[in-house]
């Protein structure tokens, strides 16, 4: 499916996009559960958007409220039954009723200022790989019925300092990396429908508060999305950030969220140090092996360098190593980095350090791949995915590094000597 509009960017350089974008059709999807007053405020704010009204579709996606919400005739209401907290599922429900080029997600208790839609959809309208996140400010709005751009500042309460600091340090996510999914807040996010369809919907197995937006954002990153924070796209949340709640309750909920995310996200700093999960940060692909012994030595040395990787090997090598769950003959899970090894090699400790450094580096900025001569290439999954989505190269850079201490195994090595520690000679 080719892009319906816009053009690819290089790396995460959303700042290189043109200054102005043609307004595109936007579907605003408001997740709601039993918050009629807050919903009324958000709908009123959407009535006063500067984005052309003819290009604005408003959908209220209701998570099974006891009483159906009341919405104006020109607002689409989509509902499913109450089966507990299902924010991921209700957002997907809203998407299924959408028709816009751009999807703009809000929560019922998060009311946008008049320029919000125009500002947060500008980048996805220019470069459909961009996931834009607005600025969610907080206010104790209570019974203040003034327009949100007045009521919000008059009743403002503290924003999360960690989030503000992250946007500042990353230059509004221009310097995003594999852990920047933590700064994508689902209540104030927009993306192209084209990208959403490629990434897939929110994971509906998330049936408790928190995490569904981060899981989706990480998946989008692996699919080549670029992240951008748009600080002047402001929406006001009624009440404090959930991190301001009782500390014991906050920690318990955060631990539950982290355990859910652990199954999906294996990026450094987000996953256990030794425990395996259904996904892996690195996938190694050994394409061929002239001998099983060479394949065994190759896989063993690569797993010493990258112990939590999954390794796809030829069938004969897989049979010899079937006791190790990291060695597989096929892989459908998600990974951040792919290491392609055309033929067996031995990686010593010095080369292992360089290999680990390459795994850490690819995917950030415009660095798509690092080649170690003809022996191995380390490639960011997101670079491959973006190129595939556009059907052409999208500007990722390939760097060449020293292949020293990566030794080709042209002949079958002596396994007893290798296991015993006296191979290779010298």
Protein backbone atom coordinates (compact mmCIF):
# COMPACT_ATOMS: atom_id res chain seq x y z
CA UNK A 1 0.00 0.00 0.00
CA UNK A 2 1.72 3.20 -1.15
CA UNK A 3 1.45 6.40 0.86
CA UNK A 4 -1.68 8.42 -0.02
CA UNK A 5 0.07 11.76 0.54
CA UNK A 6 3.22 13.39 1.87
CA UNK A 7 6.76 12.07 1.67
CA UNK A 8 9.19 10.08 3.81
CA UNK A 9 11.54 11.78 6.21
CA UNK A 10 15.10 10.73 6.97
CA UNK A 11 15.56 9.08 10.35
CA UNK A 12 13.56 11.07 12.90
CA UNK A 13 14.08 14.44 11.20
CA UNK A 14 10.51 15.68 11.40
CA UNK A 15 11.96 19.20 11.66
CA UNK A 16 12.90 18.98 7.97
CA UNK A 17 9.24 18.74 6.94
CA UNK A 18 7.78 21.72 5.08
CA UNK A 19 6.36 24.58 7.13
CA UNK A 20 2.78 24.31 5.90
CA UNK A 21 0.53 21.39 5.17
CA UNK A 22 -2.68 21.20 3.21
CA UNK A 23 -5.46 20.56 5.75
CA UNK A 24 -6.53 16.94 5.58
CA UNK A 25 -9.58 15.12 6.79
CA UNK A 26 -9.25 14.31 10.49
CA UNK A 27 -11.14 11.82 12.62
CA UNK A 28 -11.07 12.77 16.30
CA UNK A 29 -11.68 9.67 18.42
CA UNK A 30 -12.75 10.39 21.98
CA UNK A 31 -12.53 7.50 24.43
CA UNK A 32 -15.33 7.79 26.99
CA UNK A 33 -16.73 6.03 30.03
CA UNK A 34 -19.41 7.62 32.20
CA UNK A 35 -18.05 11.19 32.07
CA UNK A 36 -20.85 13.19 30.48
CA UNK A 37 -19.81 16.52 31.97
CA UNK A 38 -16.20 16.14 30.87
CA UNK A 39 -17.34 14.88 27.47
CA UNK A 40 -19.56 17.94 27.02
CA UNK A 41 -16.58 20.19 27.73
CA UNK A 42 -14.40 18.32 25.20
CA UNK A 43 -17.10 18.37 22.52
CA UNK A 44 -17.60 22.10 23.07
CA UNK A 45 -13.86 22.63 22.64
CA UNK A 46 -13.92 20.66 19.40
CA UNK A 47 -16.70 22.89 18.10
CA UNK A 48 -14.30 25.84 18.23
CA UNK A 49 -11.35 24.25 16.42
CA UNK A 50 -9.59 26.28 13.74
CA UNK A 51 -9.23 23.17 11.56
CA UNK A 52 -11.87 23.32 8.78
CA UNK A 53 -15.11 21.94 10.17
CA UNK A 54 -15.91 20.19 6.89
CA UNK A 55 -12.71 18.14 7.33
CA UNK A 56 -13.40 17.17 10.95
CA UNK A 57 -15.17 13.98 11.95
CA UNK A 58 -15.88 13.53 15.67
CA UNK A 59 -16.39 10.05 17.09
CA UNK A 60 -17.25 9.26 20.69
CA UNK A 61 -16.15 5.69 21.43
CA UNK A 62 -17.95 4.59 24.59
CA UNK A 63 -16.56 1.81 26.78
CA UNK A 64 -19.96 0.51 27.89
CA UNK A 65 -21.13 3.37 30.14
CA UNK A 66 -24.18 2.46 32.31
CA UNK A 67 -26.08 5.25 30.53
CA UNK A 68 -25.22 5.96 26.90
CA UNK A 69 -23.58 9.37 26.49
CA UNK A 70 -25.58 12.17 24.91
CA UNK A 71 -23.90 13.59 21.81
CA UNK A 72 -24.98 16.04 19.09
CA UNK A 73 -26.51 14.64 15.91
CA UNK A 74 -23.40 15.28 13.84
CA UNK A 75 -21.15 13.34 16.26
CA UNK A 76 -20.76 9.61 15.66
CA UNK A 77 -21.39 7.47 18.73
CA UNK A 78 -19.86 3.98 18.79
CA UNK A 79 -20.41 1.74 21.81
CA UNK A 80 -19.51 -1.70 23.03
CA UNK A 81 -20.71 -3.56 26.10
CA UNK A 82 -19.16 -3.04 29.52
CA UNK A 83 -16.65 -5.80 30.17
CA UNK A 84 -14.39 -3.74 32.41
CA UNK A 85 -11.65 -1.30 31.45
CA UNK A 86 -11.00 -1.70 27.71
CA UNK A 87 -9.36 1.50 26.54
CA UNK A 88 -7.38 -0.24 23.79
CA UNK A 89 -10.49 -1.94 22.44
CA UNK A 90 -12.61 1.20 22.55
CA UNK A 91 -9.99 3.22 20.67
CA UNK A 92 -9.93 0.52 18.01
CA UNK A 93 -13.73 0.68 17.90
CA UNK A 94 -13.51 4.40 17.18
CA UNK A 95 -10.96 3.81 14.41
CA UNK A 96 -13.31 1.34 12.73
CA UNK A 97 -15.90 4.13 12.45
CA UNK A 98 -13.40 6.69 11.16
CA UNK A 99 -12.99 8.07 7.64
CA UNK A 100 -10.22 10.67 8.06
CA UNK A 101 -6.72 10.70 6.61
CA UNK A 102 -5.43 11.56 10.10
CA UNK A 103 -6.46 9.94 13.38
CA UNK A 104 -6.48 12.17 16.46
CA UNK A 105 -7.00 10.45 19.81
CA UNK A 106 -8.40 12.23 22.86
CA UNK A 107 -9.90 11.14 26.16
CA UNK A 108 -13.27 12.49 27.27
CA UNK A 109 -11.67 14.37 30.18
CA UNK A 110 -9.02 16.04 27.97
CA UNK A 111 -10.31 19.19 26.24
CA UNK A 112 -8.27 20.74 23.40
CA UNK A 113 -7.50 24.43 22.88
CA UNK A 114 -8.84 25.92 19.60
CA UNK A 115 -5.66 25.33 17.53
CA UNK A 116 -5.06 21.83 18.88
CA UNK A 117 -6.28 19.77 15.93
CA UNK A 118 -4.60 22.00 13.34
CA UNK A 119 -1.29 21.90 15.21
CA UNK A 120 -1.11 18.23 16.14
CA UNK A 121 -2.11 17.03 12.66
CA UNK A 122 0.32 19.25 10.74
CA UNK A 123 3.30 16.88 10.84
CA UNK A 124 1.39 13.64 10.09
CA UNK A 125 -0.21 15.52 7.17
CA UNK A 126 3.24 16.39 5.77
CA UNK A 127 5.04 13.15 6.64
CA UNK A 128 2.68 10.24 7.30
CA UNK A 129 5.34 8.29 9.22
CA UNK A 130 5.19 10.81 12.09
CA UNK A 131 3.43 10.04 15.36
CA UNK A 132 2.74 13.43 16.96
CA UNK A 133 2.09 13.84 20.68
CA UNK A 134 0.65 17.04 22.05
CA UNK A 135 1.10 18.71 25.40
CA UNK A 136 -1.31 17.43 28.03
CA UNK A 137 -1.63 20.07 30.71
CA UNK A 138 -3.56 19.56 33.94
CA UNK A 139 -6.22 21.65 35.68
CA UNK A 140 -8.78 21.26 38.45
CA UNK A 141 -11.64 22.39 36.24
CA UNK A 142 -14.56 21.53 38.57
CA UNK A 143 -17.52 23.72 37.56
CA UNK A 144 -15.59 26.25 35.48
CA UNK A 145 -17.58 26.37 32.24
CA UNK A 146 -15.52 29.02 30.49
CA UNK A 147 -13.79 28.11 27.21
CA UNK A 148 -10.99 25.69 27.95
CA UNK A 149 -8.23 28.11 26.90
CA UNK A 150 -9.43 30.33 29.78
CA UNK A 151 -10.52 27.72 32.32
CA UNK A 152 -7.36 25.65 31.95
CA UNK A 153 -4.74 28.28 32.78
CA UNK A 154 -6.94 29.72 35.55
CA UNK A 155 -7.12 26.36 37.33
CA UNK A 156 -3.77 24.88 36.36
CA UNK A 157 -2.08 22.22 38.48
CA UNK A 158 1.39 20.73 38.07
CA UNK A 159 2.39 18.77 34.99
CA UNK A 160 4.56 15.65 35.37
CA UNK A 161 8.10 16.99 35.67
CA UNK A 162 9.66 13.79 34.25
CA UNK A 163 7.71 14.20 31.03
CA UNK A 164 8.51 17.87 30.60
CA UNK A 165 12.18 17.11 31.22
CA UNK A 166 12.14 14.28 28.66
CA UNK A 167 10.73 16.54 25.95
CA UNK A 168 13.30 19.22 26.77
CA UNK A 169 16.28 16.83 26.74
CA UNK A 170 15.18 15.15 23.51
CA UNK A 171 14.43 18.47 21.76
CA UNK A 172 10.75 17.59 21.51
CA UNK A 173 11.64 14.00 20.53
CA UNK A 174 13.84 15.03 17.62
CA UNK A 175 16.46 12.89 19.38
CA UNK A 176 14.04 10.01 20.02
CA UNK A 177 15.35 6.50 20.53
CA UNK A 178 13.93 3.05 21.18
CA UNK A 179 12.82 4.01 24.71
CA UNK A 180 10.99 7.17 23.65
CA UNK A 181 7.71 5.26 23.45
CA UNK A 182 7.40 6.29 27.14
CA UNK A 183 6.74 9.86 26.05
CA UNK A 184 3.83 9.04 23.72
CA UNK A 185 0.68 9.80 25.73
CA UNK A 186 -2.39 8.19 24.19
CA UNK A 187 -4.79 10.93 25.26
CA UNK A 188 -3.01 13.51 23.05
CA UNK A 189 -1.66 11.64 20.04
CA UNK A 190 -2.22 11.81 16.27
CA UNK A 191 -0.98 9.77 13.31
CA UNK A 192 -1.91 9.05 9.72
CA UNK A 193 -4.48 6.35 9.11
CA UNK A 194 -1.96 4.87 6.66
CA UNK A 195 0.62 4.37 9.42
CA UNK A 196 -2.00 3.08 11.87
CA UNK A 197 -3.10 0.45 9.38
CA UNK A 198 0.51 -0.71 8.90
CA UNK A 199 1.26 -0.80 12.62
CA UNK A 200 -2.07 -2.38 13.57
CA UNK A 201 -4.51 -1.33 16.26
CA UNK A 202 -4.03 -1.06 19.99
CA UNK A 203 -3.41 -4.39 21.73
CA UNK A 204 -6.78 -5.37 23.18
CA UNK A 205 -5.20 -7.74 25.70
CA UNK A 206 -4.51 -4.60 27.78
CA UNK A 207 -7.53 -4.61 30.07
CA UNK A 208 -6.21 -2.57 32.98
CA UNK A 209 -5.19 1.07 33.34
CA UNK A 210 -2.04 2.05 31.47
CA UNK A 211 0.41 0.66 28.96
CA UNK A 212 -1.67 0.25 25.81
CA UNK A 213 -0.39 3.54 24.36
CA UNK A 214 3.24 2.68 25.10
CA UNK A 215 2.92 -0.80 23.59
CA UNK A 216 1.40 0.68 20.43
CA UNK A 217 4.03 3.43 20.26
CA UNK A 218 6.89 0.94 20.57
CA UNK A 219 5.35 -1.19 17.84
CA UNK A 220 5.06 1.93 15.67
CA UNK A 221 8.73 2.73 16.32
CA UNK A 222 9.74 -0.74 15.15
CA UNK A 223 7.65 -0.15 12.03
CA UNK A 224 9.67 2.97 11.21
CA UNK A 225 7.51 5.65 12.78
CA UNK A 226 9.12 8.95 13.76
CA UNK A 227 8.14 10.60 17.05
CA UNK A 228 7.49 14.32 17.47
CA UNK A 229 6.31 16.36 20.45
CA UNK A 230 4.20 19.37 19.50
CA UNK A 231 4.28 21.64 22.58
CA UNK A 232 1.85 24.21 21.22
CA UNK A 233 -0.83 21.56 20.64
CA UNK A 234 -2.35 21.88 24.11
CA UNK A 235 -5.19 19.88 25.62
CA UNK A 236 -6.27 20.18 29.25
CA UNK A 237 -6.81 17.10 31.40
CA UNK A 238 -9.33 17.52 34.22
CA UNK A 239 -7.39 16.44 37.30
CA UNK A 240 -3.84 15.45 38.21
CA UNK A 241 -1.59 12.98 36.48
CA UNK A 242 -2.12 9.51 37.90
CA UNK A 243 1.42 9.53 39.27
CA UNK A 244 0.18 12.11 41.79
CA UNK A 245 -2.06 9.57 43.50
CA UNK A 246 -1.38 7.53 46.63
CA UNK A 247 2.20 6.26 46.37
CA UNK A 248 1.49 2.63 47.29
CA UNK A 249 -1.39 2.43 44.83
CA UNK A 250 0.63 4.17 42.14
CA UNK A 251 3.54 1.76 42.54
CA UNK A 252 1.28 -1.31 42.48
CA UNK A 253 -0.43 -0.12 39.30
CA UNK A 254 2.86 0.84 37.70
CA UNK A 255 4.32 -2.58 38.46
CA UNK A 256 1.29 -4.26 36.86
CA UNK A 257 1.73 -2.08 33.78
CA UNK A 258 5.46 -2.83 33.59
CA UNK A 259 4.85 -6.56 33.79
CA UNK A 260 2.34 -6.32 30.94
CA UNK A 261 4.75 -4.30 28.83
CA UNK A 262 7.61 -6.70 29.58
CA UNK A 263 5.97 -9.27 27.30
CA UNK A 264 6.05 -6.90 24.34
CA UNK A 265 8.95 -4.48 24.74
CA UNK A 266 12.51 -5.79 24.87
CA UNK A 267 14.34 -2.52 24.31
CA UNK A 268 17.38 -1.95 26.55
CA UNK A 269 16.27 -0.46 29.84
CA UNK A 270 12.73 -1.80 29.50
CA UNK A 271 13.25 -5.55 29.82
CA UNK A 272 14.73 -7.95 32.39
CA UNK A 273 18.46 -8.51 32.31
CA UNK A 274 18.33 -12.31 31.89
CA UNK A 275 14.74 -13.51 31.63
CA UNK A 276 13.49 -14.43 28.18
CA UNK A 277 10.13 -13.36 26.83
CA UNK A 278 7.96 -13.99 23.78
CA UNK A 279 9.80 -11.23 21.90
CA UNK A 280 13.49 -10.42 21.58
CA UNK A 281 15.51 -7.27 21.13
CA UNK A 282 17.86 -8.86 18.57
CA UNK A 283 17.31 -11.45 15.86
CA UNK A 284 20.40 -13.14 14.38
CA UNK A 285 20.01 -14.92 11.04
CA UNK A 286 22.67 -17.43 10.06
CA UNK A 287 21.84 -17.95 6.40
CA UNK A 288 23.92 -21.05 5.64
CA UNK A 289 26.41 -23.44 7.22
CA UNK A 290 28.65 -25.85 5.30
CA UNK A 291 29.06 -27.94 8.44
CA UNK A 292 27.07 -28.37 11.63
CA UNK A 293 30.24 -27.87 13.68
CA UNK A 294 30.87 -24.46 12.08
CA UNK A 295 27.26 -23.52 12.72
CA UNK A 296 27.51 -24.53 16.39
CA UNK A 297 30.67 -22.49 16.99
CA UNK A 298 29.18 -19.51 15.16
CA UNK A 299 25.94 -19.56 17.16
CA UNK A 300 27.75 -20.12 20.45
CA UNK A 301 30.10 -17.16 19.94
CA UNK A 302 27.25 -14.90 18.77
CA UNK A 303 25.16 -15.78 21.82
CA UNK A 304 28.11 -15.01 24.07
CA UNK A 305 28.06 -11.53 22.50
CA UNK A 306 24.24 -11.21 22.43
CA UNK A 307 22.91 -13.60 25.09
CA UNK A 308 19.23 -12.63 24.86
CA UNK A 309 19.05 -12.79 21.05
CA UNK A 310 17.06 -15.29 19.03
CA UNK A 311 19.03 -17.06 16.32
CA UNK A 312 17.50 -18.46 13.14
CA UNK A 313 19.67 -21.25 11.73
CA UNK A 314 19.59 -23.89 8.97
CA UNK A 315 17.71 -27.09 9.91
CA UNK A 316 20.79 -29.25 10.58
CA UNK A 317 22.19 -26.70 13.04
CA UNK A 318 18.79 -26.33 14.67
CA UNK A 319 18.67 -30.10 15.27
CA UNK A 320 22.07 -30.01 16.97
CA UNK A 321 21.03 -27.08 19.19
CA UNK A 322 17.37 -27.91 19.78
CA UNK A 323 17.78 -27.83 23.57
CA UNK A 324 18.42 -24.07 23.51
CA UNK A 325 15.12 -22.14 23.18
CA UNK A 326 16.96 -19.18 21.68
CA UNK A 327 17.87 -21.17 18.57
CA UNK A 328 14.95 -21.47 16.16
CA UNK A 329 14.26 -22.32 12.53
CA UNK A 330 11.77 -19.47 12.09
CA UNK A 331 10.84 -16.31 13.96
CA UNK A 332 7.59 -14.32 13.91
CA UNK A 333 8.11 -12.23 17.05
CA UNK A 334 9.07 -8.58 16.99
CA UNK A 335 12.69 -7.45 17.24
CA UNK A 336 14.43 -4.07 17.22
CA UNK A 337 17.63 -5.19 15.48
CA UNK A 338 18.41 -7.84 12.87
CA UNK A 339 21.93 -9.27 12.50
CA UNK A 340 22.46 -11.07 9.22
CA UNK A 341 25.38 -13.51 9.01
CA UNK A 342 25.72 -15.05 5.53
CA UNK A 343 28.05 -17.89 6.61
CA UNK A 344 29.55 -19.16 9.89
CA UNK A 345 32.00 -16.91 11.71
CA UNK A 346 33.64 -16.89 15.11
CA UNK A 347 33.29 -13.66 17.12
CA UNK A 348 35.94 -13.10 19.80
CA UNK A 349 35.57 -10.83 22.83
CA UNK A 350 36.86 -7.71 21.07
CA UNK A 351 34.51 -8.19 18.12
CA UNK A 352 31.67 -8.91 20.55
CA UNK A 353 32.10 -5.45 22.05
CA UNK A 354 31.89 -3.87 18.61
CA UNK A 355 28.87 -5.98 17.75
CA UNK A 356 27.05 -4.91 20.92
CA UNK A 357 27.90 -1.27 20.20
CA UNK A 358 26.42 -1.63 16.71
CA UNK A 359 23.25 -3.18 18.09
CA UNK A 360 22.89 -0.21 20.44
CA UNK A 361 23.51 2.35 17.70
CA UNK A 362 21.34 1.35 14.74
CA UNK A 363 17.89 2.86 14.46
CA UNK A 364 18.78 6.13 16.18
CA UNK A 365 19.08 9.20 14.02
CA UNK A 366 19.50 8.21 10.37
CA UNK A 367 21.77 5.20 11.01
CA UNK A 368 19.95 2.26 9.50
CA UNK A 369 22.70 -0.37 9.32
CA UNK A 370 26.32 -1.17 10.21
CA UNK A 371 28.29 -3.60 8.05
CA UNK A 372 31.27 -5.62 9.33
CA UNK A 373 32.82 -6.31 5.95
CA UNK A 374 31.02 -9.19 4.28
CA UNK A 375 30.83 -11.17 7.53
CA UNK A 376 27.79 -9.55 9.21
CA UNK A 377 25.42 -6.66 8.85
CA UNK A 378 23.51 -5.17 11.78
CA UNK A 379 20.28 -3.54 10.64
CA UNK A 380 17.52 -1.65 12.44
CA UNK A 381 14.15 -3.32 11.93
CA UNK A 382 12.54 0.11 11.69
CA UNK A 383 14.74 1.06 8.75
CA UNK A 384 13.75 -2.05 6.83
CA UNK A 385 10.08 -1.57 7.72
CA UNK A 386 9.94 2.07 6.58
CA UNK A 387 11.67 1.27 3.29
CA UNK A 388 9.23 -1.58 2.72
CA UNK A 389 6.23 0.62 3.48
CA UNK A 390 7.30 3.21 0.91
CA UNK A 391 8.51 0.61 -1.57
CA UNK A 392 11.84 2.43 -1.99
CA UNK A 393 14.90 3.52 0.03
CA UNK A 394 14.00 6.31 2.46
CA UNK A 395 17.44 7.70 3.24
CA UNK A 396 18.79 5.45 5.98
CA UNK A 397 22.58 5.52 6.23
CA UNK A 398 24.81 2.40 6.24
CA UNK A 399 28.13 2.60 8.08
CA UNK A 400 31.10 0.26 7.67
CA UNK A 401 33.12 -0.84 10.71
CA UNK A 402 36.14 -3.05 11.24
CA UNK A 403 35.62 -6.78 10.82
CA UNK A 404 38.78 -7.58 12.80
CA UNK A 405 38.42 -10.63 15.07
CA UNK A 406 35.37 -11.84 13.16
CA UNK A 407 36.86 -15.01 11.72
CA UNK A 408 35.20 -16.90 8.84
CA UNK A 409 34.83 -20.64 9.50
CA UNK A 410 35.49 -22.13 6.10
CA UNK A 411 36.30 -25.59 7.48
CA UNK A 412 34.67 -27.61 10.22
CA UNK A 413 36.32 -26.58 13.51
CA UNK A 414 37.41 -29.08 16.14
CA UNK A 415 34.48 -28.94 18.58
CA UNK A 416 36.34 -30.73 21.36
CA UNK A 417 39.11 -28.15 21.12
CA UNK A 418 36.59 -25.31 20.97
CA UNK A 419 34.65 -26.53 24.02
CA UNK A 420 37.88 -27.28 25.84
CA UNK A 421 39.26 -23.82 25.29
CA UNK A 422 42.34 -24.57 23.17
CA UNK A 423 40.80 -23.49 19.87
CA UNK A 424 41.59 -21.44 17.88
CA UNK A 425 45.32 -22.14 18.03
CA UNK A 426 47.77 -19.39 18.85
